[in-house]
PDB file of N, CA and C in Angstrom:
ATOM      1  N   MET A   1     -84.398 241.175  85.726  1.00  0.00           N
ATOM      2  CA  MET A   1     -84.151 240.393  86.908  1.00  0.00           C
ATOM      3  C   MET A   1     -84.804 241.007  88.150  1.00  0.00           C
ATOM      4  N   LYS A   2     -85.141 242.287  88.107  1.00  0.00           N
ATOM      5  CA  LYS A   2     -85.683 242.921  89.308  1.00  0.00           C
ATOM      6  C   LYS A   2     -87.047 242.392  89.696  1.00  0.00           C
ATOM      7  N   ASN A   3     -87.765 241.787  88.753  1.00  0.00           N
ATOM      8  CA  ASN A   3     -89.090 241.307  89.090  1.00  0.00           C
ATOM      9  C   ASN A   3     -89.079 239.912  89.710  1.00  0.00           C
ATOM     10  N   LEU A   4     -87.947 239.234  89.689  1.00  0.00           N
ATOM     11  CA  LEU A   4     -87.771 237.917  90.307  1.00  0.00           C
ATOM     12  C   LEU A   4     -88.738 236.864  89.776  1.00  0.00           C
ATOM     13  N   THR A   5     -89.249 237.043  88.569  1.00  0.00           N
ATOM     14  CA  THR A   5     -90.176 236.067  88.002  1.00  0.00           C
ATOM     15  C   THR A   5     -89.483 234.748  87.692  1.00  0.00           C
ATOM     16  N   TRP A   6     -88.187 234.739  87.650  1.00  0.00           N
ATOM     17  CA  TRP A   6     -87.432 233.499  87.429  1.00  0.00           C
ATOM     18  C   TRP A   6     -87.480 232.598  88.652  1.00  0.00           C
ATOM     19  N   ILE A   7     -87.957 233.104  89.779  1.00  0.00           N
ATOM     20  CA  ILE A   7     -88.181 232.296  90.984  1.00  0.00           C
ATOM     21  C   ILE A   7     -89.662 231.951  91.009  1.00  0.00           C
ATOM     22  N   SER A   8     -89.979 230.676  91.010  1.00  0.00           N
ATOM     23  CA  SER A   8     -91.379 230.264  90.913  1.00  0.00           C
ATOM     24  C   SER A   8     -92.169 230.448  92.209  1.00  0.00           C
ATOM     25  N   GLU A   9     -91.504 230.467  93.333  1.00  0.00           N
ATOM     26  CA  GLU A   9     -92.190 230.608  94.624  1.00  0.00           C
ATOM     27  C   GLU A   9     -92.691 232.036  94.814  1.00  0.00           C
ATOM     28  N   GLN A  10     -93.820 232.177  95.490  1.00  0.00           N
ATOM     29  CA  GLN A  10     -94.345 233.505  95.779  1.00  0.00           C
ATOM     30  C   GLN A  10     -93.766 234.074  97.069  1.00  0.00           C
ATOM     31  N   LYS A  11     -93.390 233.227  97.984  1.00  0.00           N
ATOM     32  CA  LYS A  11     -92.784 233.661  99.250  1.00  0.00           C
ATOM     33  C   LYS A  11     -91.288 233.390  99.161  1.00  0.00           C
ATOM     34  N   ILE A  12     -90.502 234.423  99.292  1.00  0.00           N
ATOM     35  CA  ILE A  12     -89.053 234.307  99.201  1.00  0.00           C
ATOM     36  C   ILE A  12     -88.441 234.798 100.503  1.00  0.00           C
ATOM     37  N   SER A  13     -87.648 233.955 101.128  1.00  0.00           N
ATOM     38  CA  SER A  13     -86.917 234.351 102.332  1.00  0.00           C
ATOM     39  C   SER A  13     -85.440 234.164 102.055  1.00  0.00           C
ATOM     40  N   ILE A  14     -84.697 235.223 102.247  1.00  0.00           N
ATOM     41  CA  ILE A  14     -83.246 235.178 102.078  1.00  0.00           C
ATOM     42  C   ILE A  14     -82.644 235.391 103.453  1.00  0.00           C
ATOM     43  N   ILE A  15     -81.851 234.434 103.895  1.00  0.00           N
ATOM     44  CA  ILE A  15     -81.211 234.512 105.204  1.00  0.00           C
ATOM     45  C   ILE A  15     -79.710 234.517 104.993  1.00  0.00           C
ATOM     46  N   ILE A  16     -79.083 235.588 105.425  1.00  0.00           N
ATOM     47  CA  ILE A  16     -77.634 235.695 105.313  1.00  0.00           C
ATOM     48  C   ILE A  16     -77.073 235.628 106.723  1.00  0.00           C
ATOM     49  N   THR A  17     -76.414 234.509 107.025  1.00  0.00           N
ATOM     50  CA  THR A  17     -75.800 234.363 108.343  1.00  0.00           C
ATOM     51  C   THR A  17     -74.364 234.867 108.284  1.00  0.00           C
ATOM     52  N   ASN A  18     -73.855 235.262 109.415  1.00  0.00           N
ATOM     53  CA  ASN A  18     -72.509 235.830 109.488  1.00  0.00           C
ATOM     54  C   ASN A  18     -72.342 236.973 108.490  1.00  0.00           C
ATOM     55  N   TYR A  19     -73.295 237.886 108.537  1.00  0.00           N
ATOM     56  CA  TYR A  19     -73.321 238.989 107.572  1.00  0.00           C
ATOM     57  C   TYR A  19     -71.984 239.726 107.492  1.00  0.00           C
ATOM     58  N   LYS A  20     -71.326 239.837 108.605  1.00  0.00           N
ATOM     59  CA  LYS A  20     -70.038 240.529 108.633  1.00  0.00           C
ATOM     60  C   LYS A  20     -69.060 239.900 107.631  1.00  0.00           C
ATOM     61  N   TYR A  21     -69.181 238.585 107.437  1.00  0.00           N
ATOM     62  CA  TYR A  21     -68.261 237.868 106.562  1.00  0.00           C
ATOM     63  C   TYR A  21     -68.858 237.540 105.198  1.00  0.00           C
ATOM     64  N   PHE A  22     -70.115 237.893 104.997  1.00  0.00           N
ATOM     65  CA  PHE A  22     -70.788 237.619 103.736  1.00  0.00           C
ATOM     66  C   PHE A  22     -70.060 238.310 102.589  1.00  0.00           C
ATOM     67  N   LEU A  23     -69.588 237.531 101.649  1.00  0.00           N
ATOM     68  CA  LEU A  23     -68.834 238.025 100.490  1.00  0.00           C
ATOM     69  C   LEU A  23     -67.660 238.912 100.899  1.00  0.00           C
ATOM     70  N   SER A  24     -67.050 238.609 102.028  1.00  0.00           N
ATOM     71  CA  SER A  24     -65.945 239.439 102.518  1.00  0.00           C
ATOM     72  C   SER A  24     -64.729 239.395 101.595  1.00  0.00           C
ATOM     73  N   GLU A  25     -64.624 238.334 100.814  1.00  0.00           N
ATOM     74  CA  GLU A  25     -63.500 238.249  99.879  1.00  0.00           C
ATOM     75  C   GLU A  25     -63.760 239.030  98.601  1.00  0.00           C
ATOM     76  N   SER A  26     -64.963 239.518  98.457  1.00  0.00           N
ATOM     77  CA  SER A  26     -65.311 240.296  97.272  1.00  0.00           C
ATOM     78  C   SER A  26     -66.215 241.465  97.673  1.00  0.00           C
ATOM     79  N   PRO A  27     -65.603 242.525  98.197  1.00  0.00           N
ATOM     80  CA  PRO A  27     -66.401 243.681  98.627  1.00  0.00           C
ATOM     81  C   PRO A  27     -67.261 244.275  97.512  1.00  0.00           C
ATOM     82  N   SER A  28     -66.788 244.218  96.280  1.00  0.00           N
ATOM     83  CA  SER A  28     -67.589 244.780  95.189  1.00  0.00           C
ATOM     84  C   SER A  28     -68.840 243.934  94.934  1.00  0.00           C
ATOM     85  N   ALA A  29     -68.740 242.618  95.076  1.00  0.00           N
ATOM     86  CA  ALA A  29     -69.909 241.747  94.913  1.00  0.00           C
ATOM     87  C   ALA A  29     -70.905 241.989  96.046  1.00  0.00           C
ATOM     88  N   LYS A  30     -70.395 242.186  97.251  1.00  0.00           N
ATOM     89  CA  LYS A  30     -71.265 242.470  98.394  1.00  0.00           C
ATOM     90  C   LYS A  30     -71.994 243.794  98.174  1.00  0.00           C
ATOM     91  N   SER A  31     -71.282 244.793  97.731  1.00  0.00           N
ATOM     92  CA  SER A  31     -71.895 246.094  97.460  1.00  0.00           C
ATOM     93  C   SER A  31     -72.947 245.990  96.364  1.00  0.00           C
ATOM     94  N   ALA A  32     -72.649 245.219  95.325  1.00  0.00           N
ATOM     95  CA  ALA A  32     -73.593 245.048  94.218  1.00  0.00           C
ATOM     96  C   ALA A  32     -74.853 244.327  94.692  1.00  0.00           C
ATOM     97  N   PHE A  33     -74.685 243.311  95.517  1.00  0.00           N
ATOM     98  CA  PHE A  33     -75.828 242.562  96.063  1.00  0.00           C
ATOM     99  C   PHE A  33     -76.733 243.494  96.869  1.00  0.00           C
ATOM    100  N   ILE A  34     -76.134 244.243  97.771  1.00  0.00           N
ATOM    101  CA  ILE A  34     -76.901 245.159  98.623  1.00  0.00           C
ATOM    102  C   ILE A  34     -77.558 246.251  97.783  1.00  0.00           C
ATOM    103  N   PHE A  35     -76.807 246.819  96.854  1.00  0.00           N
ATOM    104  CA  PHE A  35     -77.338 247.864  95.981  1.00  0.00           C
ATOM    105  C   PHE A  35     -78.540 247.355  95.197  1.00  0.00           C
ATOM    106  N   ASP A  36     -78.407 246.169  94.606  1.00  0.00           N
ATOM    107  CA  ASP A  36     -79.493 245.629  93.789  1.00  0.00           C
ATOM    108  C   ASP A  36     -80.785 245.478  94.589  1.00  0.00           C
ATOM    109  N   PHE A  37     -80.684 244.941  95.789  1.00  0.00           N
ATOM    110  CA  PHE A  37     -81.894 244.790  96.593  1.00  0.00           C
ATOM    111  C   PHE A  37     -82.421 246.137  97.072  1.00  0.00           C
ATOM    112  N   LYS A  38     -81.536 246.970  97.570  1.00  0.00           N
ATOM    113  CA  LYS A  38     -81.959 248.243  98.159  1.00  0.00           C
ATOM    114  C   LYS A  38     -82.468 249.247  97.115  1.00  0.00           C
ATOM    115  N   MET A  39     -81.805 249.310  95.972  1.00  0.00           N
ATOM    116  CA  MET A  39     -82.106 250.354  95.003  1.00  0.00           C
ATOM    117  C   MET A  39     -82.911 249.888  93.781  1.00  0.00           C
ATOM    118  N   ILE A  40     -82.974 248.580  93.558  1.00  0.00           N
ATOM    119  CA  ILE A  40     -83.660 248.101  92.362  1.00  0.00           C
ATOM    120  C   ILE A  40     -84.829 247.182  92.700  1.00  0.00           C
ATOM    121  N   ILE A  41     -84.546 246.076  93.380  1.00  0.00           N
ATOM    122  CA  ILE A  41     -85.572 245.059  93.608  1.00  0.00           C
ATOM    123  C   ILE A  41     -86.659 245.538  94.566  1.00  0.00           C
ATOM    124  N   PHE A  42     -86.266 245.993  95.764  1.00  0.00           N
ATOM    125  CA  PHE A  42     -87.277 246.445  96.730  1.00  0.00           C
ATOM    126  C   PHE A  42     -88.105 247.623  96.206  1.00  0.00           C
ATOM    127  N   PRO A  43     -87.475 248.656  95.625  1.00  0.00           N
ATOM    128  CA  PRO A  43     -88.288 249.761  95.100  1.00  0.00           C
ATOM    129  C   PRO A  43     -89.261 249.321  94.003  1.00  0.00           C
ATOM    130  N   PHE A  44     -88.824 248.373  93.163  1.00  0.00           N
ATOM    131  CA  PHE A  44     -89.731 247.876  92.121  1.00  0.00           C
ATOM    132  C   PHE A  44     -90.980 247.276  92.741  1.00  0.00           C
ATOM    133  N   TRP A  45     -90.803 246.407  93.733  1.00  0.00           N
ATOM    134  CA  TRP A  45     -91.963 245.754  94.343  1.00  0.00           C
ATOM    135  C   TRP A  45     -92.784 246.718  95.188  1.00  0.00           C
ATOM    136  N   LYS A  46     -92.154 247.694  95.773  1.00  0.00           N
ATOM    137  CA  LYS A  46     -92.899 248.649  96.595  1.00  0.00           C
ATOM    138  C   LYS A  46     -93.765 249.566  95.731  1.00  0.00           C
ATOM    139  N   LYS A  47     -93.212 249.986  94.604  1.00  0.00           N
ATOM    140  CA  LYS A  47     -93.901 250.980  93.784  1.00  0.00           C
ATOM    141  C   LYS A  47     -94.598 250.381  92.563  1.00  0.00           C
ATOM    142  N   ASP A  48     -93.866 249.633  91.756  1.00  0.00           N
ATOM    143  CA  ASP A  48     -94.374 249.209  90.456  1.00  0.00           C
ATOM    144  C   ASP A  48     -94.916 247.784  90.412  1.00  0.00           C
ATOM    145  N   GLY A  49     -94.337 246.902  91.179  1.00  0.00           N
ATOM    146  CA  GLY A  49     -94.667 245.486  91.081  1.00  0.00           C
ATOM    147  C   GLY A  49     -96.131 245.181  91.263  1.00  0.00           C
ATOM    148  N   LEU A  50     -96.753 245.814  92.240  1.00  0.00           N
ATOM    149  CA  LEU A  50     -98.162 245.543  92.510  1.00  0.00           C
ATOM    150  C   LEU A  50     -99.076 246.031  91.388  1.00  0.00           C
ATOM    151  N   HIS A  51     -98.634 247.041  90.658  1.00  0.00           N
ATOM    152  CA  HIS A  51     -99.427 247.586  89.564  1.00  0.00           C
ATOM    153  C   HIS A  51     -99.036 246.977  88.220  1.00  0.00           C
ATOM    154  N   TYR A  52     -97.823 246.492  88.130  1.00  0.00           N
ATOM    155  CA  TYR A  52     -97.289 245.958  86.876  1.00  0.00           C
ATOM    156  C   TYR A  52     -97.943 244.633  86.511  1.00  0.00           C
ATOM    157  N   TYR A  53     -98.228 243.821  87.500  1.00  0.00           N
ATOM    158  CA  TYR A  53     -98.788 242.499  87.257  1.00  0.00           C
ATOM    159  C   TYR A  53    -100.267 242.458  87.593  1.00  0.00           C
ATOM    160  N   GLU A  54    -101.079 242.197  86.590  1.00  0.00           N
ATOM    161  CA  GLU A  54    -102.505 242.023  86.835  1.00  0.00           C
ATOM    162  C   GLU A  54    -102.766 240.664  87.462  1.00  0.00           C
ATOM    163  N   ASP A  55    -101.974 239.672  87.064  1.00  0.00           N
ATOM    164  CA  ASP A  55    -102.111 238.324  87.601  1.00  0.00           C
ATOM    165  C   ASP A  55    -101.319 238.251  88.906  1.00  0.00           C
ATOM    166  N   LYS A  56    -102.004 238.154  90.003  1.00  0.00           N
ATOM    167  CA  LYS A  56    -101.373 238.210  91.323  1.00  0.00           C
ATOM    168  C   LYS A  56    -100.435 237.030  91.605  1.00  0.00           C
ATOM    169  N   GLN A  57    -100.443 235.999  90.756  1.00  0.00           N
ATOM    170  CA  GLN A  57     -99.555 234.862  90.988  1.00  0.00           C
ATOM    171  C   GLN A  57     -98.085 235.259  90.875  1.00  0.00           C
ATOM    172  N   TYR A  58     -97.817 236.399  90.235  1.00  0.00           N
ATOM    173  CA  TYR A  58     -96.439 236.829  90.064  1.00  0.00           C
ATOM    174  C   TYR A  58     -95.952 237.742  91.193  1.00  0.00           C
ATOM    175  N   ILE A  59     -96.848 238.158  92.070  1.00  0.00           N
ATOM    176  CA  ILE A  59     -96.470 239.035  93.173  1.00  0.00           C
ATOM    177  C   ILE A  59     -95.608 238.246  94.158  1.00  0.00           C
ATOM    178  N   LYS A  60     -94.507 238.828  94.600  1.00  0.00           N
ATOM    179  CA  LYS A  60     -93.573 238.168  95.503  1.00  0.00           C
ATOM    180  C   LYS A  60     -93.649 238.788  96.892  1.00  0.00           C
ATOM    181  N   ASP A  61     -93.601 237.926  97.892  1.00  0.00           N
ATOM    182  CA  ASP A  61     -93.492 238.343  99.285  1.00  0.00           C
ATOM    183  C   ASP A  61     -92.046 238.049  99.684  1.00  0.00           C
ATOM    184  N   ILE A  62     -91.275 239.103  99.882  1.00  0.00           N
ATOM    185  CA  ILE A  62     -89.835 238.947 100.075  1.00  0.00           C
ATOM    186  C   ILE A  62     -89.421 239.377 101.479  1.00  0.00           C
ATOM    187  N   ASP A  63     -88.713 238.488 102.168  1.00  0.00           N
ATOM    188  CA  ASP A  63     -88.116 238.802 103.462  1.00  0.00           C
ATOM    189  C   ASP A  63     -86.612 238.565 103.355  1.00  0.00           C
ATOM    190  N   VAL A  64     -85.850 239.510 103.879  1.00  0.00           N
ATOM    191  CA  VAL A  64     -84.392 239.345 103.912  1.00  0.00           C
ATOM    192  C   VAL A  64     -83.961 239.495 105.366  1.00  0.00           C
ATOM    193  N   TYR A  65     -83.238 238.510 105.847  1.00  0.00           N
ATOM    194  CA  TYR A  65     -82.745 238.522 107.217  1.00  0.00           C
ATOM    195  C   TYR A  65     -81.223 238.553 107.206  1.00  0.00           C
ATOM    196  N   LEU A  66     -80.665 239.498 107.907  1.00  0.00           N
ATOM    197  CA  LEU A  66     -79.206 239.603 108.069  1.00  0.00           C
ATOM    198  C   LEU A  66     -78.875 239.229 109.498  1.00  0.00           C
ATOM    199  N   VAL A  67     -78.146 238.156 109.653  1.00  0.00           N
ATOM    200  CA  VAL A  67     -77.797 237.639 110.978  1.00  0.00           C
ATOM    201  C   VAL A  67     -76.316 237.861 111.206  1.00  0.00           C
ATOM    202  N   TYR A  68     -75.989 238.559 112.299  1.00  0.00           N
ATOM    203  CA  TYR A  68     -74.576 238.845 112.578  1.00  0.00           C
ATOM    204  C   TYR A  68     -73.918 237.722 113.314  1.00  0.00           C
TER     205      TYR A  68
END
C-alpha cells in the first residue's frame, strides 16, 4: 500500500480540515494515519519510489494539507 499504485491519479492532494478534530474519536486511527504517511509512504517516495519504478507513470506527486 505504500506505493499508492491503487490510486490511478499521478497528482494526489489530501486536505484535512479541522485537523484538531480529525479522527478525534479514534486517537489510535489518527496516530496510525500520521505514522503511515510520515514513516512509510513519504520515505518510500523520497528514497525508493523514484528508483523503484522505471515507468514514470507510476510516480506520485503527493501534497498533504492540514488545516486547523
